[in-house]
């Protein structure tokens, strides 16, 4: 019975009682079945696609990739100003040129509203 009591005390509460005392480890997952997903949308969430690469998949397709070099967004990048108007930033290489392009933001940005 002592081993049973120890295991019961070592379980993680589903109702939020107590905190974890060790790192929470996920399965790596895949684009269609992320390691950290949602009960009602199992193809949306975070997964590890390679060493040092974390991606976010939405409805089974990756949209955001985080690496040591930075962030890659697959698709449109929308920005919202404090007035609530959506703005779209599109980066495209000049005609006939290839390479990396950088979007430089001003050092002082206006305060953004926090959505509830």
PDB file of N, CA and C in Angstrom:
ATOM      1  N   UNK A   1       0.811  -1.198   0.000  1.00  0.00           N
ATOM      2  CA  UNK A   1       0.000   0.000   0.000  1.00  0.00           C
ATOM      3  C   UNK A   1       0.864   1.276   0.000  1.00  0.00           C
ATOM      4  N   UNK A   2       2.049   1.202   0.554  1.00  0.00           N
ATOM      5  CA  UNK A   2       2.911   2.384   0.620  1.00  0.00           C
ATOM      6  C   UNK A   2       3.277   2.857  -0.784  1.00  0.00           C
ATOM      7  N   UNK A   3       3.559   1.901  -1.706  1.00  0.00           N
ATOM      8  CA  UNK A   3       3.897   2.290  -3.072  1.00  0.00           C
ATOM      9  C   UNK A   3       2.703   2.913  -3.787  1.00  0.00           C
ATOM     10  N   UNK A   4       1.504   2.456  -3.499  1.00  0.00           N
ATOM     11  CA  UNK A   4       0.289   3.028  -4.071  1.00  0.00           C
ATOM     12  C   UNK A   4       0.085   4.452  -3.553  1.00  0.00           C
ATOM     13  N   UNK A   5       0.296   4.675  -2.270  1.00  0.00           N
ATOM     14  CA  UNK A   5       0.164   6.009  -1.680  1.00  0.00           C
ATOM     15  C   UNK A   5       1.181   6.970  -2.283  1.00  0.00           C
ATOM     16  N   UNK A   6       2.406   6.495  -2.491  1.00  0.00           N
ATOM     17  CA  UNK A   6       3.450   7.351  -3.079  1.00  0.00           C
ATOM     18  C   UNK A   6       3.080   7.760  -4.492  1.00  0.00           C
ATOM     19  N   UNK A   7       2.569   6.846  -5.302  1.00  0.00           N
ATOM     20  CA  UNK A   7       2.181   7.158  -6.685  1.00  0.00           C
ATOM     21  C   UNK A   7       0.992   8.113  -6.734  1.00  0.00           C
ATOM     22  N   UNK A   8       0.035   7.951  -5.850  1.00  0.00           N
ATOM     23  CA  UNK A   8      -1.122   8.856  -5.813  1.00  0.00           C
ATOM     24  C   UNK A   8      -0.666  10.273  -5.457  1.00  0.00           C
ATOM     25  N   UNK A   9       0.265  10.380  -4.517  1.00  0.00           N
ATOM     26  CA  UNK A   9       0.770  11.692  -4.120  1.00  0.00           C
ATOM     27  C   UNK A   9       1.651  12.314  -5.196  1.00  0.00           C
ATOM     28  N   UNK A  10       2.198  11.523  -6.102  1.00  0.00           N
ATOM     29  CA  UNK A  10       3.097  12.022  -7.141  1.00  0.00           C
ATOM     30  C   UNK A  10       2.360  12.377  -8.431  1.00  0.00           C
ATOM     31  N   UNK A  11       1.055  12.225  -8.465  1.00  0.00           N
ATOM     32  CA  UNK A  11       0.306  12.515  -9.692  1.00  0.00           C
ATOM     33  C   UNK A  11       0.024  14.015  -9.811  1.00  0.00           C
ATOM     34  N   UNK A  12      -0.167  14.473 -11.041  1.00  0.00           N
ATOM     35  CA  UNK A  12      -0.445  15.886 -11.307  1.00  0.00           C
ATOM     36  C   UNK A  12      -1.944  16.126 -11.238  1.00  0.00           C
ATOM     37  N   UNK A  13      -2.352  17.090 -10.457  1.00  0.00           N
ATOM     38  CA  UNK A  13      -3.769  17.404 -10.294  1.00  0.00           C
ATOM     39  C   UNK A  13      -4.370  17.940 -11.586  1.00  0.00           C
ATOM     40  N   UNK A  14      -5.534  17.453 -11.945  1.00  0.00           N
ATOM     41  CA  UNK A  14      -6.237  17.946 -13.127  1.00  0.00           C
ATOM     42  C   UNK A  14      -7.029  19.212 -12.823  1.00  0.00           C
ATOM     43  N   UNK A  15      -7.180  19.544 -11.546  1.00  0.00           N
ATOM     44  CA  UNK A  15      -7.956  20.724 -11.179  1.00  0.00           C
ATOM     45  C   UNK A  15      -7.078  21.890 -10.730  1.00  0.00           C
ATOM     46  N   UNK A  16      -5.755  21.771 -10.908  1.00  0.00           N
ATOM     47  CA  UNK A  16      -4.866  22.889 -10.610  1.00  0.00           C
ATOM     48  C   UNK A  16      -4.352  22.952  -9.196  1.00  0.00           C
ATOM     49  N   UNK A  17      -4.548  21.907  -8.400  1.00  0.00           N
ATOM     50  CA  UNK A  17      -4.036  21.896  -7.027  1.00  0.00           C
ATOM     51  C   UNK A  17      -2.544  21.623  -7.058  1.00  0.00           C
ATOM     52  N   UNK A  18      -1.761  22.514  -6.504  1.00  0.00           N
ATOM     53  CA  UNK A  18      -0.319  22.324  -6.454  1.00  0.00           C
ATOM     54  C   UNK A  18       0.354  22.643  -7.771  1.00  0.00           C
ATOM     55  N   UNK A  19       1.632  22.812  -7.729  1.00  0.00           N
ATOM     56  CA  UNK A  19       2.404  23.114  -8.933  1.00  0.00           C
ATOM     57  C   UNK A  19       3.356  21.979  -9.255  1.00  0.00           C
ATOM     58  N   UNK A  20       3.940  22.057 -10.420  1.00  0.00           N
ATOM     59  CA  UNK A  20       4.908  21.037 -10.819  1.00  0.00           C
ATOM     60  C   UNK A  20       6.261  21.364 -10.194  1.00  0.00           C
ATOM     61  N   UNK A  21       7.009  20.346  -9.857  1.00  0.00           N
ATOM     62  CA  UNK A  21       8.340  20.541  -9.286  1.00  0.00           C
ATOM     63  C   UNK A  21       9.436  20.069 -10.235  1.00  0.00           C
ATOM     64  N   UNK A  22       9.056  19.665 -11.442  1.00  0.00           N
ATOM     65  CA  UNK A  22      10.008  19.232 -12.465  1.00  0.00           C
ATOM     66  C   UNK A  22       9.514  19.753 -13.806  1.00  0.00           C
ATOM     67  N   UNK A  23      10.389  19.847 -14.814  1.00  0.00           N
ATOM     68  CA  UNK A  23       9.951  20.339 -16.126  1.00  0.00           C
ATOM     69  C   UNK A  23       8.854  19.449 -16.717  1.00  0.00           C
ATOM     70  N   UNK A  24       7.908  20.062 -17.392  1.00  0.00           N
ATOM     71  CA  UNK A  24       6.848  19.345 -18.095  1.00  0.00           C
ATOM     72  C   UNK A  24       7.387  18.993 -19.472  1.00  0.00           C
ATOM     73  N   UNK A  25       7.371  17.734 -19.829  1.00  0.00           N
ATOM     74  CA  UNK A  25       7.928  17.291 -21.104  1.00  0.00           C
ATOM     75  C   UNK A  25       6.813  16.811 -22.019  1.00  0.00           C
ATOM     76  N   UNK A  26       6.853  17.275 -23.275  1.00  0.00           N
ATOM     77  CA  UNK A  26       5.867  16.889 -24.285  1.00  0.00           C
ATOM     78  C   UNK A  26       6.458  15.872 -25.242  1.00  0.00           C
ATOM     79  N   UNK A  27       5.576  15.176 -25.940  1.00  0.00           N
ATOM     80  CA  UNK A  27       5.985  14.403 -27.101  1.00  0.00           C
ATOM     81  C   UNK A  27       6.321  15.408 -28.202  1.00  0.00           C
ATOM     82  N   UNK A  28       7.239  15.079 -29.116  1.00  0.00           N
ATOM     83  CA  UNK A  28       7.609  16.005 -30.181  1.00  0.00           C
ATOM     84  C   UNK A  28       6.407  16.398 -31.029  1.00  0.00           C
ATOM     85  N   UNK A  29       5.569  15.437 -31.400  1.00  0.00           N
ATOM     86  CA  UNK A  29       4.407  15.711 -32.229  1.00  0.00           C
ATOM     87  C   UNK A  29       4.767  15.867 -33.694  1.00  0.00           C
ATOM     88  N   UNK A  30       3.762  16.180 -34.486  1.00  0.00           N
ATOM     89  CA  UNK A  30       3.927  16.384 -35.924  1.00  0.00           C
ATOM     90  C   UNK A  30       3.062  17.561 -36.348  1.00  0.00           C
ATOM     91  N   UNK A  31       3.180  17.930 -37.604  1.00  0.00           N
ATOM     92  CA  UNK A  31       2.385  19.036 -38.140  1.00  0.00           C
ATOM     93  C   UNK A  31       0.886  18.769 -37.980  1.00  0.00           C
ATOM     94  N   UNK A  32       0.459  17.550 -38.247  1.00  0.00           N
ATOM     95  CA  UNK A  32      -0.966  17.211 -38.167  1.00  0.00           C
ATOM     96  C   UNK A  32      -1.428  16.801 -36.786  1.00  0.00           C
ATOM     97  N   UNK A  33      -0.479  16.445 -35.919  1.00  0.00           N
ATOM     98  CA  UNK A  33      -0.800  16.026 -34.551  1.00  0.00           C
ATOM     99  C   UNK A  33       0.248  16.603 -33.604  1.00  0.00           C
ATOM    100  N   UNK A  34       0.158  17.910 -33.289  1.00  0.00           N
ATOM    101  CA  UNK A  34       1.154  18.563 -32.436  1.00  0.00           C
ATOM    102  C   UNK A  34       1.273  17.907 -31.058  1.00  0.00           C
ATOM    103  N   UNK A  35       2.485  17.959 -30.484  1.00  0.00           N
ATOM    104  CA  UNK A  35       2.716  17.403 -29.158  1.00  0.00           C
ATOM    105  C   UNK A  35       1.972  18.142 -28.066  1.00  0.00           C
ATOM    106  N   UNK A  36       1.704  19.415 -28.263  1.00  0.00           N
ATOM    107  CA  UNK A  36       0.911  20.224 -27.331  1.00  0.00           C
ATOM    108  C   UNK A  36      -0.265  20.757 -28.135  1.00  0.00           C
ATOM    109  N   UNK A  37      -1.419  20.133 -27.990  1.00  0.00           N
ATOM    110  CA  UNK A  37      -2.590  20.465 -28.804  1.00  0.00           C
ATOM    111  C   UNK A  37      -3.783  20.769 -27.908  1.00  0.00           C
ATOM    112  N   UNK A  38      -4.931  20.918 -28.511  1.00  0.00           N
ATOM    113  CA  UNK A  38      -6.153  21.275 -27.801  1.00  0.00           C
ATOM    114  C   UNK A  38      -7.179  20.139 -27.889  1.00  0.00           C
ATOM    115  N   UNK A  39      -7.930  19.947 -26.831  1.00  0.00           N
ATOM    116  CA  UNK A  39      -8.920  18.880 -26.780  1.00  0.00           C
ATOM    117  C   UNK A  39      -9.907  18.982 -27.935  1.00  0.00           C
ATOM    118  N   UNK A  40     -10.387  20.177 -28.233  1.00  0.00           N
ATOM    119  CA  UNK A  40     -11.412  20.349 -29.263  1.00  0.00           C
ATOM    120  C   UNK A  40     -10.855  20.697 -30.636  1.00  0.00           C
ATOM    121  N   UNK A  41      -9.531  20.744 -30.767  1.00  0.00           N
ATOM    122  CA  UNK A  41      -8.909  21.016 -32.064  1.00  0.00           C
ATOM    123  C   UNK A  41      -7.509  20.388 -32.044  1.00  0.00           C
ATOM    124  N   UNK A  42      -7.466  19.090 -32.241  1.00  0.00           N
ATOM    125  CA  UNK A  42      -6.233  18.326 -32.035  1.00  0.00           C
ATOM    126  C   UNK A  42      -5.162  18.563 -33.102  1.00  0.00           C
ATOM    127  N   UNK A  43      -5.493  19.232 -34.197  1.00  0.00           N
ATOM    128  CA  UNK A  43      -4.486  19.517 -35.224  1.00  0.00           C
ATOM    129  C   UNK A  43      -3.944  20.939 -35.119  1.00  0.00           C
ATOM    130  N   UNK A  44      -4.233  21.623 -34.012  1.00  0.00           N
ATOM    131  CA  UNK A  44      -3.708  22.956 -33.747  1.00  0.00           C
ATOM    132  C   UNK A  44      -2.886  22.910 -32.467  1.00  0.00           C
ATOM    133  N   UNK A  45      -1.634  23.413 -32.539  1.00  0.00           N
ATOM    134  CA  UNK A  45      -0.796  23.441 -31.351  1.00  0.00           C
ATOM    135  C   UNK A  45       0.672  23.554 -31.709  1.00  0.00           C
ATOM    136  N   UNK A  46       1.534  23.218 -30.751  1.00  0.00           N
ATOM    137  CA  UNK A  46       2.980  23.351 -30.878  1.00  0.00           C
ATOM    138  C   UNK A  46       3.616  21.990 -31.052  1.00  0.00           C
ATOM    139  N   UNK A  47       4.653  21.926 -31.894  1.00  0.00           N
ATOM    140  CA  UNK A  47       5.409  20.686 -32.044  1.00  0.00           C
ATOM    141  C   UNK A  47       6.865  20.986 -32.359  1.00  0.00           C
ATOM    142  N   UNK A  48       7.725  20.001 -32.100  1.00  0.00           N
ATOM    143  CA  UNK A  48       9.163  20.110 -32.371  1.00  0.00           C
ATOM    144  C   UNK A  48       9.414  19.388 -33.689  1.00  0.00           C
ATOM    145  N   UNK A  49       9.793  20.139 -34.723  1.00  0.00           N
ATOM    146  CA  UNK A  49       9.960  19.537 -36.043  1.00  0.00           C
ATOM    147  C   UNK A  49      11.391  19.073 -36.319  1.00  0.00           C
ATOM    148  N   UNK A  50      12.368  19.606 -35.598  1.00  0.00           N
ATOM    149  CA  UNK A  50      13.776  19.227 -35.752  1.00  0.00           C
ATOM    150  C   UNK A  50      14.532  19.770 -34.546  1.00  0.00           C
ATOM    151  N   UNK A  51      15.803  19.430 -34.457  1.00  0.00           N
ATOM    152  CA  UNK A  51      16.610  19.940 -33.349  1.00  0.00           C
ATOM    153  C   UNK A  51      16.638  21.466 -33.387  1.00  0.00           C
ATOM    154  N   UNK A  52      16.228  22.096 -32.300  1.00  0.00           N
ATOM    155  CA  UNK A  52      16.251  23.554 -32.216  1.00  0.00           C
ATOM    156  C   UNK A  52      15.165  24.248 -33.013  1.00  0.00           C
ATOM    157  N   UNK A  53      14.122  23.526 -33.424  1.00  0.00           N
ATOM    158  CA  UNK A  53      13.044  24.119 -34.224  1.00  0.00           C
ATOM    159  C   UNK A  53      11.688  23.782 -33.592  1.00  0.00           C
ATOM    160  N   UNK A  54      10.949  24.822 -33.232  1.00  0.00           N
ATOM    161  CA  UNK A  54       9.602  24.675 -32.686  1.00  0.00           C
ATOM    162  C   UNK A  54       8.643  25.311 -33.687  1.00  0.00           C
ATOM    163  N   UNK A  55       7.574  24.609 -34.016  1.00  0.00           N
ATOM    164  CA  UNK A  55       6.586  25.163 -34.948  1.00  0.00           C
ATOM    165  C   UNK A  55       5.205  25.170 -34.319  1.00  0.00           C
ATOM    166  N   UNK A  56       4.372  26.091 -34.803  1.00  0.00           N
ATOM    167  CA  UNK A  56       2.970  26.108 -34.427  1.00  0.00           C
ATOM    168  C   UNK A  56       2.166  25.738 -35.660  1.00  0.00           C
ATOM    169  N   UNK A  57       1.297  24.771 -35.485  1.00  0.00           N
ATOM    170  CA  UNK A  57       0.457  24.279 -36.559  1.00  0.00           C
ATOM    171  C   UNK A  57      -0.980  24.718 -36.291  1.00  0.00           C
ATOM    172  N   UNK A  58      -1.675  25.184 -37.325  1.00  0.00           N
ATOM    173  CA  UNK A  58      -3.082  25.561 -37.196  1.00  0.00           C
ATOM    174  C   UNK A  58      -3.866  24.751 -38.212  1.00  0.00           C
ATOM    175  N   UNK A  59      -4.808  23.965 -37.703  1.00  0.00           N
ATOM    176  CA  UNK A  59      -5.624  23.069 -38.526  1.00  0.00           C
ATOM    177  C   UNK A  59      -4.756  22.170 -39.408  1.00  0.00           C
ATOM    178  N   UNK A  60      -3.662  21.659 -38.837  1.00  0.00           N
ATOM    179  CA  UNK A  60      -2.818  20.692 -39.513  1.00  0.00           C
ATOM    180  C   UNK A  60      -1.778  21.259 -40.461  1.00  0.00           C
ATOM    181  N   UNK A  61      -1.617  22.568 -40.511  1.00  0.00           N
ATOM    182  CA  UNK A  61      -0.614  23.187 -41.387  1.00  0.00           C
ATOM    183  C   UNK A  61       0.223  24.163 -40.551  1.00  0.00           C
ATOM    184  N   UNK A  62       1.564  24.063 -40.661  1.00  0.00           N
ATOM    185  CA  UNK A  62       2.389  24.950 -39.841  1.00  0.00           C
ATOM    186  C   UNK A  62       2.290  26.382 -40.344  1.00  0.00           C
ATOM    187  N   UNK A  63       2.261  27.323 -39.388  1.00  0.00           N
ATOM    188  CA  UNK A  63       2.154  28.754 -39.697  1.00  0.00           C
ATOM    189  C   UNK A  63       3.294  29.565 -39.108  1.00  0.00           C
ATOM    190  N   UNK A  64       3.874  29.121 -37.997  1.00  0.00           N
ATOM    191  CA  UNK A  64       4.950  29.857 -37.326  1.00  0.00           C
ATOM    192  C   UNK A  64       6.075  28.891 -36.997  1.00  0.00           C
ATOM    193  N   UNK A  65       7.319  29.320 -37.249  1.00  0.00           N
ATOM    194  CA  UNK A  65       8.481  28.498 -36.936  1.00  0.00           C
ATOM    195  C   UNK A  65       9.477  29.348 -36.151  1.00  0.00           C
ATOM    196  N   UNK A  66       9.894  28.849 -35.011  1.00  0.00           N
ATOM    197  CA  UNK A  66      10.844  29.527 -34.143  1.00  0.00           C
ATOM    198  C   UNK A  66      12.155  28.745 -34.144  1.00  0.00           C
ATOM    199  N   UNK A  67      13.259  29.452 -34.439  1.00  0.00           N
ATOM    200  CA  UNK A  67      14.589  28.852 -34.401  1.00  0.00           C
ATOM    201  C   UNK A  67      15.505  29.812 -33.651  1.00  0.00           C
ATOM    202  N   UNK A  68      16.762  29.402 -33.463  1.00  0.00           N
ATOM    203  CA  UNK A  68      17.725  30.304 -32.817  1.00  0.00           C
ATOM    204  C   UNK A  68      17.945  31.554 -33.656  1.00  0.00           C
ATOM    205  N   UNK A  69      17.719  31.457 -34.968  1.00  0.00           N
ATOM    206  CA  UNK A  69      17.919  32.601 -35.862  1.00  0.00           C
ATOM    207  C   UNK A  69      16.748  33.575 -35.842  1.00  0.00           C
ATOM    208  N   UNK A  70      15.581  33.133 -35.387  1.00  0.00           N
ATOM    209  CA  UNK A  70      14.434  34.035 -35.350  1.00  0.00           C
ATOM    210  C   UNK A  70      13.120  33.340 -35.648  1.00  0.00           C
ATOM    211  N   UNK A  71      12.161  34.116 -36.124  1.00  0.00           N
ATOM    212  CA  UNK A  71      10.793  33.671 -36.374  1.00  0.00           C
ATOM    213  C   UNK A  71      10.504  33.700 -37.870  1.00  0.00           C
ATOM    214  N   UNK A  72       9.859  32.658 -38.357  1.00  0.00           N
ATOM    215  CA  UNK A  72       9.386  32.621 -39.737  1.00  0.00           C
ATOM    216  C   UNK A  72       7.878  32.479 -39.695  1.00  0.00           C
ATOM    217  N   UNK A  73       7.182  33.331 -40.444  1.00  0.00           N
ATOM    218  CA  UNK A  73       5.728  33.281 -40.539  1.00  0.00           C
ATOM    219  C   UNK A  73       5.378  32.809 -41.939  1.00  0.00           C
ATOM    220  N   UNK A  74       4.583  31.753 -42.029  1.00  0.00           N
ATOM    221  CA  UNK A  74       4.160  31.215 -43.320  1.00  0.00           C
ATOM    222  C   UNK A  74       2.766  31.755 -43.607  1.00  0.00           C
ATOM    223  N   UNK A  75       2.663  32.667 -44.553  1.00  0.00           N
ATOM    224  CA  UNK A  75       1.393  33.306 -44.853  1.00  0.00           C
ATOM    225  C   UNK A  75       1.455  34.781 -44.517  1.00  0.00           C
ATOM    226  N   UNK A  76       0.304  35.407 -44.462  1.00  0.00           N
ATOM    227  CA  UNK A  76       0.232  36.847 -44.205  1.00  0.00           C
ATOM    228  C   UNK A  76       0.602  37.159 -42.762  1.00  0.00           C
ATOM    229  N   UNK A  77       1.208  38.309 -42.577  1.00  0.00           N
ATOM    230  CA  UNK A  77       1.540  38.804 -41.246  1.00  0.00           C
ATOM    231  C   UNK A  77       0.670  40.025 -40.999  1.00  0.00           C
ATOM    232  N   UNK A  78      -0.247  39.934 -40.073  1.00  0.00           N
ATOM    233  CA  UNK A  78      -1.139  41.049 -39.775  1.00  0.00           C
ATOM    234  C   UNK A  78      -0.686  41.789 -38.538  1.00  0.00           C
ATOM    235  N   UNK A  79      -0.763  43.093 -38.577  1.00  0.00           N
ATOM    236  CA  UNK A  79      -0.448  43.930 -37.427  1.00  0.00           C
ATOM    237  C   UNK A  79      -1.692  44.721 -37.073  1.00  0.00           C
ATOM    238  N   UNK A  80      -1.830  45.052 -35.805  1.00  0.00           N
ATOM    239  CA  UNK A  80      -2.996  45.820 -35.385  1.00  0.00           C
ATOM    240  C   UNK A  80      -2.542  47.061 -34.647  1.00  0.00           C
ATOM    241  N   UNK A  81      -3.068  48.218 -35.059  1.00  0.00           N
ATOM    242  CA  UNK A  81      -2.697  49.451 -34.372  1.00  0.00           C
ATOM    243  C   UNK A  81      -3.575  49.626 -33.132  1.00  0.00           C
ATOM    244  N   UNK A  82      -3.227  50.553 -32.241  1.00  0.00           N
ATOM    245  CA  UNK A  82      -4.005  50.732 -31.020  1.00  0.00           C
ATOM    246  C   UNK A  82      -5.473  51.077 -31.282  1.00  0.00           C
ATOM    247  N   UNK A  83      -5.781  51.633 -32.449  1.00  0.00           N
ATOM    248  CA  UNK A  83      -7.172  51.952 -32.764  1.00  0.00           C
ATOM    249  C   UNK A  83      -7.980  50.741 -33.182  1.00  0.00           C
ATOM    250  N   UNK A  84      -7.323  49.592 -33.334  1.00  0.00           N
ATOM    251  CA  UNK A  84      -8.035  48.365 -33.666  1.00  0.00           C
ATOM    252  C   UNK A  84      -8.133  48.099 -35.155  1.00  0.00           C
ATOM    253  N   UNK A  85      -7.472  48.896 -36.002  1.00  0.00           N
ATOM    254  CA  UNK A  85      -7.526  48.691 -37.438  1.00  0.00           C
ATOM    255  C   UNK A  85      -6.445  47.693 -37.841  1.00  0.00           C
ATOM    256  N   UNK A  86      -6.826  46.652 -38.556  1.00  0.00           N
ATOM    257  CA  UNK A  86      -5.838  45.665 -38.999  1.00  0.00           C
ATOM    258  C   UNK A  86      -5.020  46.220 -40.143  1.00  0.00           C
ATOM    259  N   UNK A  87      -3.729  45.981 -40.110  1.00  0.00           N
ATOM    260  CA  UNK A  87      -2.807  46.379 -41.163  1.00  0.00           C
ATOM    261  C   UNK A  87      -2.082  45.123 -41.632  1.00  0.00           C
ATOM    262  N   UNK A  88      -1.789  45.017 -42.892  1.00  0.00           N
ATOM    263  CA  UNK A  88      -1.048  43.870 -43.408  1.00  0.00           C
ATOM    264  C   UNK A  88       0.289  44.335 -43.938  1.00  0.00           C
ATOM    265  N   UNK A  89       1.349  43.643 -43.560  1.00  0.00           N
ATOM    266  CA  UNK A  89       2.694  43.922 -44.035  1.00  0.00           C
ATOM    267  C   UNK A  89       3.065  42.810 -45.007  1.00  0.00           C
ATOM    268  N   UNK A  90       3.440  43.170 -46.209  1.00  0.00           N
ATOM    269  CA  UNK A  90       3.847  42.182 -47.197  1.00  0.00           C
ATOM    270  C   UNK A  90       5.287  42.445 -47.587  1.00  0.00           C
ATOM    271  N   UNK A  91       6.131  41.444 -47.469  1.00  0.00           N
ATOM    272  CA  UNK A  91       7.522  41.553 -47.855  1.00  0.00           C
ATOM    273  C   UNK A  91       7.741  40.692 -49.087  1.00  0.00           C
ATOM    274  N   UNK A  92       8.229  41.269 -50.125  1.00  0.00           N
ATOM    275  CA  UNK A  92       8.519  40.519 -51.348  1.00  0.00           C
ATOM    276  C   UNK A  92       9.833  41.032 -51.915  1.00  0.00           C
ATOM    277  N   UNK A  93      10.648  40.143 -52.473  1.00  0.00           N
ATOM    278  CA  UNK A  93      11.915  40.597 -53.048  1.00  0.00           C
ATOM    279  C   UNK A  93      11.677  41.431 -54.291  1.00  0.00           C
ATOM    280  N   UNK A  94      12.539  42.408 -54.549  1.00  0.00           N
ATOM    281  CA  UNK A  94      12.429  43.165 -55.794  1.00  0.00           C
ATOM    282  C   UNK A  94      12.514  42.226 -56.991  1.00  0.00           C
ATOM    283  N   UNK A  95      11.948  42.610 -58.079  1.00  0.00           N
ATOM    284  CA  UNK A  95      11.902  41.777 -59.275  1.00  0.00           C
ATOM    285  C   UNK A  95      13.280  41.256 -59.665  1.00  0.00           C
ATOM    286  N   UNK A  96      13.395  39.938 -59.816  1.00  0.00           N
ATOM    287  CA  UNK A  96      14.636  39.326 -60.261  1.00  0.00           C
ATOM    288  C   UNK A  96      15.685  39.139 -59.192  1.00  0.00           C
ATOM    289  N   UNK A  97      15.421  39.549 -57.953  1.00  0.00           N
ATOM    290  CA  UNK A  97      16.416  39.411 -56.890  1.00  0.00           C
ATOM    291  C   UNK A  97      15.970  38.346 -55.893  1.00  0.00           C
ATOM    292  N   UNK A  98      16.918  37.663 -55.345  1.00  0.00           N
ATOM    293  CA  UNK A  98      16.643  36.671 -54.314  1.00  0.00           C
ATOM    294  C   UNK A  98      17.459  37.016 -53.083  1.00  0.00           C
ATOM    295  N   UNK A  99      17.089  36.462 -51.964  1.00  0.00           N
ATOM    296  CA  UNK A  99      17.870  36.693 -50.750  1.00  0.00           C
ATOM    297  C   UNK A  99      16.981  36.911 -49.556  1.00  0.00           C
ATOM    298  N   UNK A 100      17.581  37.304 -48.458  1.00  0.00           N
ATOM    299  CA  UNK A 100      16.853  37.539 -47.223  1.00  0.00           C
ATOM    300  C   UNK A 100      16.490  39.018 -47.113  1.00  0.00           C
ATOM    301  N   UNK A 101      15.328  39.274 -46.575  1.00  0.00           N
ATOM    302  CA  UNK A 101      14.849  40.645 -46.382  1.00  0.00           C
ATOM    303  C   UNK A 101      14.443  40.820 -44.929  1.00  0.00           C
ATOM    304  N   UNK A 102      14.655  41.983 -44.404  1.00  0.00           N
ATOM    305  CA  UNK A 102      14.398  42.266 -43.005  1.00  0.00           C
ATOM    306  C   UNK A 102      13.385  43.389 -42.877  1.00  0.00           C
ATOM    307  N   UNK A 103      12.422  43.195 -42.010  1.00  0.00           N
ATOM    308  CA  UNK A 103      11.460  44.235 -41.671  1.00  0.00           C
ATOM    309  C   UNK A 103      11.976  44.884 -40.393  1.00  0.00           C
ATOM    310  N   UNK A 104      12.313  46.160 -40.456  1.00  0.00           N
ATOM    311  CA  UNK A 104      12.838  46.873 -39.294  1.00  0.00           C
ATOM    312  C   UNK A 104      11.725  47.699 -38.675  1.00  0.00           C
ATOM    313  N   UNK A 105      11.507  47.497 -37.395  1.00  0.00           N
ATOM    314  CA  UNK A 105      10.454  48.216 -36.673  1.00  0.00           C
ATOM    315  C   UNK A 105      11.087  49.370 -35.906  1.00  0.00           C
ATOM    316  N   UNK A 106      10.334  50.442 -35.663  1.00  0.00           N
ATOM    317  CA  UNK A 106      10.864  51.538 -34.858  1.00  0.00           C
ATOM    318  C   UNK A 106      11.171  51.057 -33.443  1.00  0.00           C
ATOM    319  N   UNK A 107      12.113  51.724 -32.789  1.00  0.00           N
ATOM    320  CA  UNK A 107      12.496  51.296 -31.446  1.00  0.00           C
ATOM    321  C   UNK A 107      11.420  51.602 -30.418  1.00  0.00           C
ATOM    322  N   UNK A 108      10.624  52.617 -30.628  1.00  0.00           N
ATOM    323  CA  UNK A 108       9.556  52.950 -29.686  1.00  0.00           C
ATOM    324  C   UNK A 108       8.206  52.683 -30.354  1.00  0.00           C
ATOM    325  N   UNK A 109       7.504  51.699 -29.855  1.00  0.00           N
ATOM    326  CA  UNK A 109       6.187  51.376 -30.383  1.00  0.00           C
ATOM    327  C   UNK A 109       5.107  51.874 -29.426  1.00  0.00           C
ATOM    328  N   UNK A 110       3.939  52.240 -29.934  1.00  0.00           N
ATOM    329  CA  UNK A 110       2.861  52.663 -29.042  1.00  0.00           C
ATOM    330  C   UNK A 110       2.370  51.487 -28.216  1.00  0.00           C
ATOM    331  N   UNK A 111       1.798  51.794 -27.055  1.00  0.00           N
ATOM    332  CA  UNK A 111       1.251  50.745 -26.193  1.00  0.00           C
ATOM    333  C   UNK A 111       0.104  50.041 -26.914  1.00  0.00           C
ATOM    334  N   UNK A 112       0.109  48.733 -26.860  1.00  0.00           N
ATOM    335  CA  UNK A 112      -0.934  47.945 -27.514  1.00  0.00           C
ATOM    336  C   UNK A 112      -1.993  47.578 -26.505  1.00  0.00           C
ATOM    337  N   UNK A 113      -3.251  47.572 -26.892  1.00  0.00           N
ATOM    338  CA  UNK A 113      -4.305  47.175 -25.962  1.00  0.00           C
ATOM    339  C   UNK A 113      -4.222  45.683 -25.682  1.00  0.00           C
ATOM    340  N   UNK A 114      -4.615  45.285 -24.510  1.00  0.00           N
ATOM    341  CA  UNK A 114      -4.638  43.871 -24.141  1.00  0.00           C
ATOM    342  C   UNK A 114      -6.036  43.349 -24.369  1.00  0.00           C
ATOM    343  N   UNK A 115      -6.134  42.285 -25.173  1.00  0.00           N
ATOM    344  CA  UNK A 115      -7.441  41.705 -25.454  1.00  0.00           C
ATOM    345  C   UNK A 115      -7.828  40.787 -24.313  1.00  0.00           C
ATOM    346  N   UNK A 116      -9.087  40.758 -24.000  1.00  0.00           N
ATOM    347  CA  UNK A 116      -9.588  39.901 -22.912  1.00  0.00           C
ATOM    348  C   UNK A 116      -9.752  38.486 -23.396  1.00  0.00           C
TER     349      UNK A 116
END
